[in-house]
Amino acid sequence: MTMRNIMLTTLIAGLALASCQRKDDEGPTQLTGRLFVFNYRVASATYMITLKKIAPIPEGTTAVAEFENPAGGDPLVVNQKIYTFWDKITLESPDLHCVRKDRPYSVSIKLVDASTKTIQTIKTEVKSDLDQTVLPTKPLVVGPVYTANPDVFKGDGSADYGHDAACPA
């Protein structure tokens, strides 16, 4: 082999190895999903964020997720213990009010180890393709066997799905 071929082979091998390396700021997880979940049966909307484990996660790690509150005010904060054997991590917010179609809402996730050292930070946005006005304001069903909610479905055959007028524009 000529010196030129050796140099070229070394360069290609070096580039291939470099492309396999994770960046230090990436951390042990990768964002794989972000969406709003609308459950019409129980009249709820929540954020759902999914992460995939791509490297070992230290024992005692916690995810601290801050979800922008669509109704305004302080962010909604969720602290969730992460188990080292999980390959997929799902973070879900408390119930939301006032989600608007096509508006970006911010989400910030920090993974912190047992000594509260931040090992990864993820910032993203979530948009809904629906307004929360598609949901009733009261659950359509109650109880473990999905009994029709008497507050919604009246004895005279009418239904009152309600309307949440307290949302910011």
N, C-alpha and C. Protein backbone atom coordinates (compact mmCIF):
# COMPACT_ATOMS: atom_id res chain seq x y z
N MET A 1 0.83 -1.18 0.00
CA MET A 1 0.00 0.00 0.00
C MET A 1 0.87 1.24 0.00
N THR A 2 0.36 2.20 -0.65
CA THR A 2 1.10 3.45 -0.67
C THR A 2 0.77 4.25 0.58
N MET A 3 1.58 5.22 0.85
CA MET A 3 1.37 6.08 2.01
C MET A 3 0.02 6.80 1.90
N ARG A 4 -0.35 7.16 0.69
CA ARG A 4 -1.63 7.85 0.48
C ARG A 4 -2.80 6.96 0.87
N ASN A 5 -2.76 5.68 0.48
CA ASN A 5 -3.83 4.73 0.83
C ASN A 5 -3.90 4.49 2.33
N ILE A 6 -2.76 4.43 2.98
CA ILE A 6 -2.72 4.23 4.43
C ILE A 6 -3.36 5.43 5.13
N MET A 7 -3.00 6.62 4.69
CA MET A 7 -3.57 7.85 5.27
C MET A 7 -5.08 7.90 5.06
N LEU A 8 -5.51 7.55 3.86
CA LEU A 8 -6.94 7.57 3.54
C LEU A 8 -7.70 6.55 4.39
N THR A 9 -7.16 5.37 4.53
CA THR A 9 -7.79 4.32 5.35
C THR A 9 -7.86 4.76 6.81
N THR A 10 -6.80 5.34 7.32
CA THR A 10 -6.76 5.82 8.69
C THR A 10 -7.78 6.93 8.90
N LEU A 11 -7.89 7.84 7.96
CA LEU A 11 -8.85 8.93 8.05
C LEU A 11 -10.28 8.40 8.07
N ILE A 12 -10.58 7.46 7.19
CA ILE A 12 -11.93 6.88 7.13
C ILE A 12 -12.25 6.14 8.44
N ALA A 13 -11.30 5.37 8.95
CA ALA A 13 -11.52 4.64 10.21
C ALA A 13 -11.73 5.63 11.37
N GLY A 14 -10.94 6.68 11.38
CA GLY A 14 -11.08 7.70 12.43
C GLY A 14 -12.44 8.38 12.39
N LEU A 15 -12.90 8.71 11.20
CA LEU A 15 -14.22 9.34 11.06
C LEU A 15 -15.33 8.38 11.47
N ALA A 16 -15.20 7.13 11.12
CA ALA A 16 -16.21 6.13 11.48
C ALA A 16 -16.29 5.99 13.00
N LEU A 17 -15.14 5.93 13.66
CA LEU A 17 -15.13 5.82 15.12
C LEU A 17 -15.67 7.08 15.78
N ALA A 18 -15.34 8.23 15.25
CA ALA A 18 -15.81 9.49 15.82
C ALA A 18 -17.33 9.61 15.71
N SER A 19 -17.90 9.10 14.64
CA SER A 19 -19.34 9.20 14.47
C SER A 19 -20.09 8.30 15.44
N CYS A 20 -19.43 7.30 16.00
CA CYS A 20 -20.07 6.40 16.95
C CYS A 20 -20.07 6.96 18.37
N GLN A 21 -19.29 7.98 18.62
CA GLN A 21 -19.18 8.53 19.96
C GLN A 21 -20.36 9.44 20.28
N ARG A 22 -20.84 9.33 21.54
CA ARG A 22 -21.88 10.24 22.00
C ARG A 22 -21.21 11.54 22.44
N LYS A 23 -21.92 12.63 22.28
CA LYS A 23 -21.43 13.90 22.79
C LYS A 23 -21.63 13.91 24.29
N ASP A 24 -20.76 14.59 25.02
CA ASP A 24 -20.84 14.62 26.47
C ASP A 24 -22.16 15.22 26.97
N ASP A 25 -22.72 16.18 26.24
CA ASP A 25 -23.92 16.86 26.71
C ASP A 25 -25.21 16.09 26.40
N GLU A 26 -25.11 14.96 25.71
CA GLU A 26 -26.31 14.21 25.36
C GLU A 26 -26.89 13.47 26.55
N GLY A 27 -26.10 12.88 27.37
CA GLY A 27 -26.61 12.15 28.52
C GLY A 27 -27.07 10.75 28.19
N PRO A 28 -27.67 10.08 29.18
CA PRO A 28 -28.01 8.66 29.02
C PRO A 28 -29.35 8.39 28.34
N THR A 29 -30.10 9.43 27.96
CA THR A 29 -31.38 9.19 27.31
C THR A 29 -31.52 10.03 26.05
N GLN A 30 -32.48 9.63 25.24
CA GLN A 30 -32.78 10.35 24.00
C GLN A 30 -34.30 10.56 23.95
N LEU A 31 -34.71 11.76 23.59
CA LEU A 31 -36.14 12.07 23.45
C LEU A 31 -36.70 11.30 22.27
N THR A 32 -37.77 10.51 22.50
CA THR A 32 -38.35 9.72 21.43
C THR A 32 -39.81 10.09 21.14
N GLY A 33 -40.45 10.80 22.05
CA GLY A 33 -41.84 11.15 21.80
C GLY A 33 -42.31 12.28 22.69
N ARG A 34 -43.22 13.08 22.16
CA ARG A 34 -43.82 14.17 22.92
C ARG A 34 -45.19 14.46 22.32
N LEU A 35 -46.20 14.45 23.17
CA LEU A 35 -47.55 14.67 22.67
C LEU A 35 -48.50 15.02 23.81
N PHE A 36 -49.69 15.45 23.42
CA PHE A 36 -50.78 15.64 24.38
C PHE A 36 -51.68 14.42 24.26
N VAL A 37 -52.15 13.93 25.39
CA VAL A 37 -53.09 12.82 25.42
C VAL A 37 -54.43 13.37 25.89
N PHE A 38 -55.44 13.23 25.03
CA PHE A 38 -56.80 13.65 25.36
C PHE A 38 -57.62 12.40 25.63
N ASN A 39 -58.14 12.28 26.84
CA ASN A 39 -58.97 11.13 27.20
C ASN A 39 -60.40 11.64 27.40
N TYR A 40 -61.24 11.47 26.40
CA TYR A 40 -62.58 12.03 26.45
C TYR A 40 -63.45 11.34 27.50
N ARG A 41 -63.20 10.09 27.79
CA ARG A 41 -64.03 9.37 28.77
C ARG A 41 -63.95 10.01 30.16
N VAL A 42 -62.76 10.43 30.53
CA VAL A 42 -62.60 11.02 31.86
C VAL A 42 -62.33 12.52 31.80
N ALA A 43 -62.50 13.11 30.61
CA ALA A 43 -62.37 14.55 30.40
C ALA A 43 -61.03 15.09 30.87
N SER A 44 -59.95 14.44 30.45
CA SER A 44 -58.63 14.90 30.87
C SER A 44 -57.69 15.06 29.69
N ALA A 45 -56.73 15.94 29.88
CA ALA A 45 -55.65 16.13 28.91
C ALA A 45 -54.36 16.15 29.71
N THR A 46 -53.31 15.51 29.17
CA THR A 46 -52.01 15.48 29.83
C THR A 46 -50.90 15.56 28.77
N TYR A 47 -49.73 16.01 29.21
CA TYR A 47 -48.53 15.88 28.39
C TYR A 47 -48.03 14.45 28.57
N MET A 48 -47.44 13.88 27.52
CA MET A 48 -46.73 12.61 27.65
C MET A 48 -45.43 12.73 26.88
N ILE A 49 -44.33 12.48 27.59
CA ILE A 49 -42.99 12.56 27.02
C ILE A 49 -42.36 11.18 27.18
N THR A 50 -41.73 10.67 26.12
CA THR A 50 -41.04 9.39 26.22
C THR A 50 -39.56 9.58 25.90
N LEU A 51 -38.75 8.87 26.66
CA LEU A 51 -37.30 8.88 26.49
C LEU A 51 -36.83 7.45 26.32
N LYS A 52 -35.78 7.27 25.54
CA LYS A 52 -35.17 5.95 25.36
C LYS A 52 -33.80 5.97 26.02
N LYS A 53 -33.52 4.94 26.79
CA LYS A 53 -32.20 4.84 27.43
C LYS A 53 -31.18 4.45 26.36
N ILE A 54 -30.12 5.24 26.25
CA ILE A 54 -29.06 4.95 25.27
C ILE A 54 -27.71 4.70 25.94
N ALA A 55 -27.67 4.85 27.27
CA ALA A 55 -26.45 4.60 28.04
C ALA A 55 -26.89 4.25 29.46
N PRO A 56 -25.99 3.68 30.25
CA PRO A 56 -26.36 3.33 31.63
C PRO A 56 -26.83 4.56 32.42
N ILE A 57 -27.83 4.32 33.27
CA ILE A 57 -28.36 5.36 34.15
C ILE A 57 -27.97 5.01 35.57
N PRO A 58 -27.35 5.94 36.30
CA PRO A 58 -26.91 5.63 37.67
C PRO A 58 -28.09 5.29 38.59
N GLU A 59 -27.84 4.42 39.53
CA GLU A 59 -28.84 4.05 40.55
C GLU A 59 -29.24 5.32 41.32
N GLY A 60 -30.52 5.46 41.59
CA GLY A 60 -31.02 6.60 42.36
C GLY A 60 -31.32 7.83 41.52
N THR A 61 -31.32 7.70 40.20
CA THR A 61 -31.60 8.84 39.32
C THR A 61 -33.09 9.18 39.36
N THR A 62 -33.36 10.47 39.30
CA THR A 62 -34.73 10.99 39.27
C THR A 62 -34.89 11.91 38.07
N ALA A 63 -36.05 11.84 37.43
CA ALA A 63 -36.39 12.80 36.37
C ALA A 63 -37.24 13.89 36.98
N VAL A 64 -36.85 15.13 36.74
CA VAL A 64 -37.63 16.28 37.19
C VAL A 64 -38.12 16.98 35.93
N ALA A 65 -39.42 16.86 35.67
CA ALA A 65 -40.01 17.43 34.46
C ALA A 65 -40.83 18.65 34.83
N GLU A 66 -40.59 19.74 34.11
CA GLU A 66 -41.37 20.97 34.28
C GLU A 66 -42.15 21.20 33.00
N PHE A 67 -43.48 21.16 33.12
CA PHE A 67 -44.38 21.33 31.98
C PHE A 67 -45.01 22.72 32.05
N GLU A 68 -44.97 23.46 30.96
CA GLU A 68 -45.64 24.76 30.92
C GLU A 68 -47.12 24.54 31.21
N ASN A 69 -47.68 25.38 32.07
CA ASN A 69 -49.09 25.27 32.43
C ASN A 69 -49.93 26.03 31.40
N PRO A 70 -50.73 25.33 30.58
CA PRO A 70 -51.53 26.01 29.56
C PRO A 70 -52.55 26.99 30.13
N ALA A 71 -52.94 26.80 31.38
CA ALA A 71 -53.89 27.72 32.02
C ALA A 71 -53.18 28.94 32.59
N GLY A 72 -51.86 28.98 32.50
CA GLY A 72 -51.08 30.09 33.05
C GLY A 72 -50.56 29.74 34.44
N GLY A 73 -49.74 30.58 34.97
CA GLY A 73 -49.20 30.34 36.31
C GLY A 73 -47.92 29.53 36.29
N ASP A 74 -47.59 29.00 37.46
CA ASP A 74 -46.36 28.24 37.63
C ASP A 74 -46.36 26.97 36.80
N PRO A 75 -45.17 26.52 36.39
CA PRO A 75 -45.10 25.25 35.66
C PRO A 75 -45.57 24.09 36.54
N LEU A 76 -46.03 23.05 35.88
CA LEU A 76 -46.42 21.82 36.57
C LEU A 76 -45.18 20.95 36.68
N VAL A 77 -44.82 20.54 37.89
CA VAL A 77 -43.57 19.82 38.12
C VAL A 77 -43.87 18.38 38.54
N VAL A 78 -43.16 17.46 37.90
CA VAL A 78 -43.28 16.04 38.21
C VAL A 78 -41.89 15.51 38.53
N ASN A 79 -41.76 14.83 39.67
CA ASN A 79 -40.52 14.14 40.04
C ASN A 79 -40.78 12.65 39.94
N GLN A 80 -39.97 11.96 39.15
CA GLN A 80 -40.19 10.53 38.96
C GLN A 80 -38.89 9.77 39.08
N LYS A 81 -38.89 8.75 39.93
CA LYS A 81 -37.72 7.89 40.08
C LYS A 81 -37.52 7.11 38.79
N ILE A 82 -36.27 6.99 38.36
CA ILE A 82 -35.92 6.23 37.16
C ILE A 82 -35.19 4.97 37.62
N TYR A 83 -35.65 3.84 37.16
CA TYR A 83 -35.02 2.57 37.51
C TYR A 83 -33.99 2.19 36.45
N THR A 84 -32.88 1.66 36.89
CA THR A 84 -31.76 1.38 35.98
C THR A 84 -32.10 0.35 34.91
N PHE A 85 -33.08 -0.51 35.16
CA PHE A 85 -33.42 -1.56 34.19
C PHE A 85 -34.42 -1.08 33.13
N TRP A 86 -34.95 0.12 33.28
CA TRP A 86 -35.90 0.64 32.28
C TRP A 86 -35.17 0.95 30.98
N ASP A 87 -35.74 0.51 29.86
CA ASP A 87 -35.23 0.90 28.55
C ASP A 87 -35.99 2.10 28.01
N LYS A 88 -37.23 2.25 28.45
CA LYS A 88 -38.08 3.37 28.02
C LYS A 88 -38.61 4.08 29.26
N ILE A 89 -38.59 5.39 29.24
CA ILE A 89 -39.06 6.20 30.36
C ILE A 89 -40.23 7.04 29.86
N THR A 90 -41.34 6.99 30.57
CA THR A 90 -42.51 7.77 30.21
C THR A 90 -42.80 8.76 31.32
N LEU A 91 -42.89 10.02 30.96
CA LEU A 91 -43.20 11.09 31.91
C LEU A 91 -44.55 11.68 31.53
N GLU A 92 -45.45 11.75 32.49
CA GLU A 92 -46.79 12.28 32.22
C GLU A 92 -47.10 13.38 33.23
N SER A 93 -47.70 14.44 32.74
CA SER A 93 -48.04 15.58 33.58
C SER A 93 -49.33 15.30 34.35
N PRO A 94 -49.61 16.14 35.36
CA PRO A 94 -50.94 16.11 35.95
C PRO A 94 -51.97 16.59 34.90
N ASP A 95 -53.24 16.45 35.21
CA ASP A 95 -54.29 16.91 34.29
C ASP A 95 -54.12 18.38 33.96
N LEU A 96 -54.40 18.72 32.71
CA LEU A 96 -54.24 20.08 32.20
C LEU A 96 -55.58 20.71 31.89
N HIS A 97 -55.57 22.02 31.81
CA HIS A 97 -56.72 22.79 31.36
C HIS A 97 -56.24 23.82 30.37
N CYS A 98 -57.06 24.12 29.39
CA CYS A 98 -56.83 25.24 28.45
C CYS A 98 -55.80 24.96 27.36
N VAL A 99 -55.56 23.72 26.97
CA VAL A 99 -54.64 23.42 25.87
C VAL A 99 -55.23 23.99 24.58
N ARG A 100 -54.41 24.72 23.83
CA ARG A 100 -54.85 25.34 22.57
C ARG A 100 -54.14 24.71 21.39
N LYS A 101 -54.86 24.57 20.31
CA LYS A 101 -54.34 23.99 19.08
C LYS A 101 -53.19 24.83 18.52
N ASP A 102 -52.14 24.16 18.03
CA ASP A 102 -51.00 24.75 17.33
C ASP A 102 -50.17 25.73 18.16
N ARG A 103 -50.38 25.79 19.45
CA ARG A 103 -49.56 26.65 20.31
C ARG A 103 -48.44 25.80 20.91
N PRO A 104 -47.18 26.24 20.80
CA PRO A 104 -46.09 25.46 21.40
C PRO A 104 -46.03 25.67 22.92
N TYR A 105 -45.93 24.59 23.65
CA TYR A 105 -45.80 24.63 25.10
C TYR A 105 -44.43 24.03 25.46
N SER A 106 -43.71 24.68 26.36
CA SER A 106 -42.35 24.24 26.68
C SER A 106 -42.35 23.17 27.76
N VAL A 107 -41.38 22.27 27.62
CA VAL A 107 -41.16 21.20 28.59
C VAL A 107 -39.65 21.15 28.84
N SER A 108 -39.28 21.06 30.11
CA SER A 108 -37.87 20.95 30.50
C SER A 108 -37.73 19.73 31.40
N ILE A 109 -36.77 18.88 31.09
CA ILE A 109 -36.55 17.66 31.85
C ILE A 109 -35.09 17.64 32.31
N LYS A 110 -34.90 17.38 33.60
CA LYS A 110 -33.55 17.20 34.15
C LYS A 110 -33.47 15.81 34.75
N LEU A 111 -32.43 15.09 34.41
CA LEU A 111 -32.13 13.85 35.09
C LEU A 111 -31.07 14.17 36.13
N VAL A 112 -31.37 13.86 37.39
CA VAL A 112 -30.44 14.13 38.48
C VAL A 112 -30.11 12.82 39.19
N ASP A 113 -28.84 12.66 39.53
CA ASP A 113 -28.44 11.42 40.21
C ASP A 113 -28.75 11.50 41.70
N ALA A 114 -28.38 10.47 42.44
CA ALA A 114 -28.69 10.39 43.87
C ALA A 114 -28.09 11.53 44.67
N SER A 115 -27.00 12.12 44.18
CA SER A 115 -26.37 13.24 44.90
C SER A 115 -26.88 14.59 44.39
N THR A 116 -27.97 14.59 43.64
CA THR A 116 -28.63 15.76 43.04
C THR A 116 -27.79 16.48 41.98
N LYS A 117 -26.79 15.79 41.44
CA LYS A 117 -26.01 16.34 40.33
C LYS A 117 -26.79 16.11 39.03
N THR A 118 -26.93 17.16 38.24
CA THR A 118 -27.64 17.04 36.96
C THR A 118 -26.77 16.27 35.98
N ILE A 119 -27.34 15.18 35.44
CA ILE A 119 -26.59 14.38 34.47
C ILE A 119 -27.10 14.58 33.05
N GLN A 120 -28.29 15.17 32.90
CA GLN A 120 -28.79 15.48 31.56
C GLN A 120 -29.91 16.51 31.68
N THR A 121 -29.97 17.40 30.70
CA THR A 121 -31.07 18.36 30.59
C THR A 121 -31.63 18.29 29.18
N ILE A 122 -32.95 18.20 29.09
CA ILE A 122 -33.63 18.14 27.80
C ILE A 122 -34.67 19.26 27.79
N LYS A 123 -34.64 20.06 26.75
CA LYS A 123 -35.66 21.09 26.56
C LYS A 123 -36.35 20.83 25.23
N THR A 124 -37.67 20.90 25.24
CA THR A 124 -38.43 20.66 24.02
C THR A 124 -39.73 21.44 24.08
N GLU A 125 -40.48 21.36 23.01
CA GLU A 125 -41.80 21.98 22.93
C GLU A 125 -42.79 20.92 22.46
N VAL A 126 -44.04 21.09 22.89
CA VAL A 126 -45.10 20.18 22.49
C VAL A 126 -46.24 21.03 21.93
N LYS A 127 -46.76 20.61 20.77
CA LYS A 127 -47.92 21.28 20.16
C LYS A 127 -49.05 20.27 20.06
N SER A 128 -50.26 20.76 20.24
CA SER A 128 -51.43 19.91 20.06
C SER A 128 -52.06 20.21 18.72
N ASP A 129 -52.61 19.18 18.09
CA ASP A 129 -53.36 19.42 16.86
C ASP A 129 -54.86 19.56 17.15
N LEU A 130 -55.20 19.62 18.45
CA LEU A 130 -56.59 19.83 18.88
C LEU A 130 -56.64 20.87 20.00
N ASP A 131 -57.75 21.57 20.08
CA ASP A 131 -58.05 22.42 21.22
C ASP A 131 -58.67 21.55 22.31
N GLN A 132 -58.42 21.90 23.56
CA GLN A 132 -59.03 21.12 24.63
C GLN A 132 -60.55 21.29 24.67
N THR A 133 -61.05 22.24 23.92
CA THR A 133 -62.51 22.43 23.88
C THR A 133 -63.23 21.23 23.29
N VAL A 134 -62.49 20.29 22.66
CA VAL A 134 -63.13 19.07 22.16
C VAL A 134 -63.53 18.14 23.30
N LEU A 135 -62.97 18.38 24.48
CA LEU A 135 -63.28 17.54 25.64
C LEU A 135 -64.45 18.11 26.43
N PRO A 136 -65.24 17.24 27.03
CA PRO A 136 -66.25 17.74 27.96
C PRO A 136 -65.55 18.26 29.23
N THR A 137 -66.23 19.07 30.01
CA THR A 137 -65.62 19.57 31.23
C THR A 137 -65.80 18.61 32.40
N LYS A 138 -66.71 17.65 32.25
CA LYS A 138 -66.93 16.65 33.29
C LYS A 138 -66.71 15.26 32.66
N PRO A 139 -66.24 14.30 33.47
CA PRO A 139 -66.06 12.95 32.92
C PRO A 139 -67.37 12.38 32.37
N LEU A 140 -67.29 11.70 31.24
CA LEU A 140 -68.47 11.08 30.66
C LEU A 140 -68.87 9.82 31.41
N VAL A 141 -67.89 9.19 32.08
CA VAL A 141 -68.16 7.96 32.80
C VAL A 141 -67.60 8.07 34.22
N VAL A 142 -68.19 7.29 35.12
CA VAL A 142 -67.72 7.24 36.50
C VAL A 142 -67.66 5.79 36.94
N GLY A 143 -66.80 5.51 37.89
CA GLY A 143 -66.72 4.17 38.45
C GLY A 143 -65.91 3.21 37.61
N PRO A 144 -65.67 2.02 38.16
CA PRO A 144 -64.81 1.04 37.51
C PRO A 144 -65.42 0.37 36.28
N VAL A 145 -66.74 0.47 36.09
CA VAL A 145 -67.36 -0.18 34.94
C VAL A 145 -67.88 0.83 33.93
N TYR A 146 -67.33 2.03 33.96
CA TYR A 146 -67.68 3.08 33.00
C TYR A 146 -69.18 3.37 32.97
N THR A 147 -69.76 3.61 34.14
CA THR A 147 -71.16 3.99 34.25
C THR A 147 -71.31 5.42 33.74
N ALA A 148 -72.36 5.68 32.97
CA ALA A 148 -72.60 7.03 32.45
C ALA A 148 -72.71 8.01 33.62
N ASN A 149 -72.00 9.12 33.51
CA ASN A 149 -72.00 10.14 34.56
C ASN A 149 -73.36 10.84 34.59
N PRO A 150 -74.10 10.76 35.70
CA PRO A 150 -75.42 11.40 35.78
C PRO A 150 -75.34 12.93 35.73
N ASP A 151 -74.16 13.53 36.01
CA ASP A 151 -74.01 14.98 35.89
C ASP A 151 -73.95 15.42 34.43
N VAL A 152 -73.61 14.49 33.54
CA VAL A 152 -73.53 14.80 32.11
C VAL A 152 -74.78 14.32 31.38
N PHE A 153 -75.12 13.07 31.60
CA PHE A 153 -76.26 12.47 30.91
C PHE A 153 -77.48 12.51 31.82
N LYS A 154 -78.39 13.42 31.53
CA LYS A 154 -79.56 13.67 32.38
C LYS A 154 -80.64 12.61 32.18
N GLY A 155 -81.50 12.48 33.15
CA GLY A 155 -82.59 11.52 33.11
C GLY A 155 -83.57 11.74 31.99
N ASP A 156 -83.66 13.00 31.50
CA ASP A 156 -84.61 13.30 30.42
C ASP A 156 -84.02 13.02 29.03
N GLY A 157 -82.81 12.44 28.99
CA GLY A 157 -82.19 12.10 27.71
C GLY A 157 -81.26 13.17 27.18
N SER A 158 -81.21 14.33 27.82
CA SER A 158 -80.31 15.40 27.37
C SER A 158 -78.91 15.17 27.94
N ALA A 159 -77.95 15.88 27.37
CA ALA A 159 -76.56 15.78 27.85
C ALA A 159 -75.99 17.18 28.02
N ASP A 160 -75.26 17.37 29.13
CA ASP A 160 -74.60 18.64 29.40
C ASP A 160 -73.10 18.39 29.45
N TYR A 161 -72.42 18.68 28.32
CA TYR A 161 -70.99 18.44 28.24
C TYR A 161 -70.18 19.59 28.86
N GLY A 162 -70.84 20.68 29.15
CA GLY A 162 -70.18 21.82 29.77
C GLY A 162 -69.26 22.56 28.82
N HIS A 163 -68.73 23.66 29.28
CA HIS A 163 -67.78 24.46 28.49
C HIS A 163 -66.91 25.23 29.47
N ASP A 164 -65.60 25.12 29.32
CA ASP A 164 -64.67 25.80 30.21
C ASP A 164 -64.35 27.17 29.65
N ALA A 165 -64.96 28.19 30.22
CA ALA A 165 -64.77 29.56 29.75
C ALA A 165 -63.69 30.30 30.50
N ALA A 166 -63.02 29.62 31.44
CA ALA A 166 -62.04 30.29 32.29
C ALA A 166 -60.61 30.24 31.72
N CYS A 167 -60.44 29.90 30.47
CA CYS A 167 -59.11 29.79 29.89
C CYS A 167 -58.65 31.11 29.29
N PRO A 168 -57.34 31.41 29.42
CA PRO A 168 -56.82 32.62 28.78
C PRO A 168 -56.89 32.50 27.27
N ALA A 169 -57.00 33.62 26.61
CA ALA A 169 -57.13 33.63 25.14
C ALA A 169 -55.84 33.23 24.47
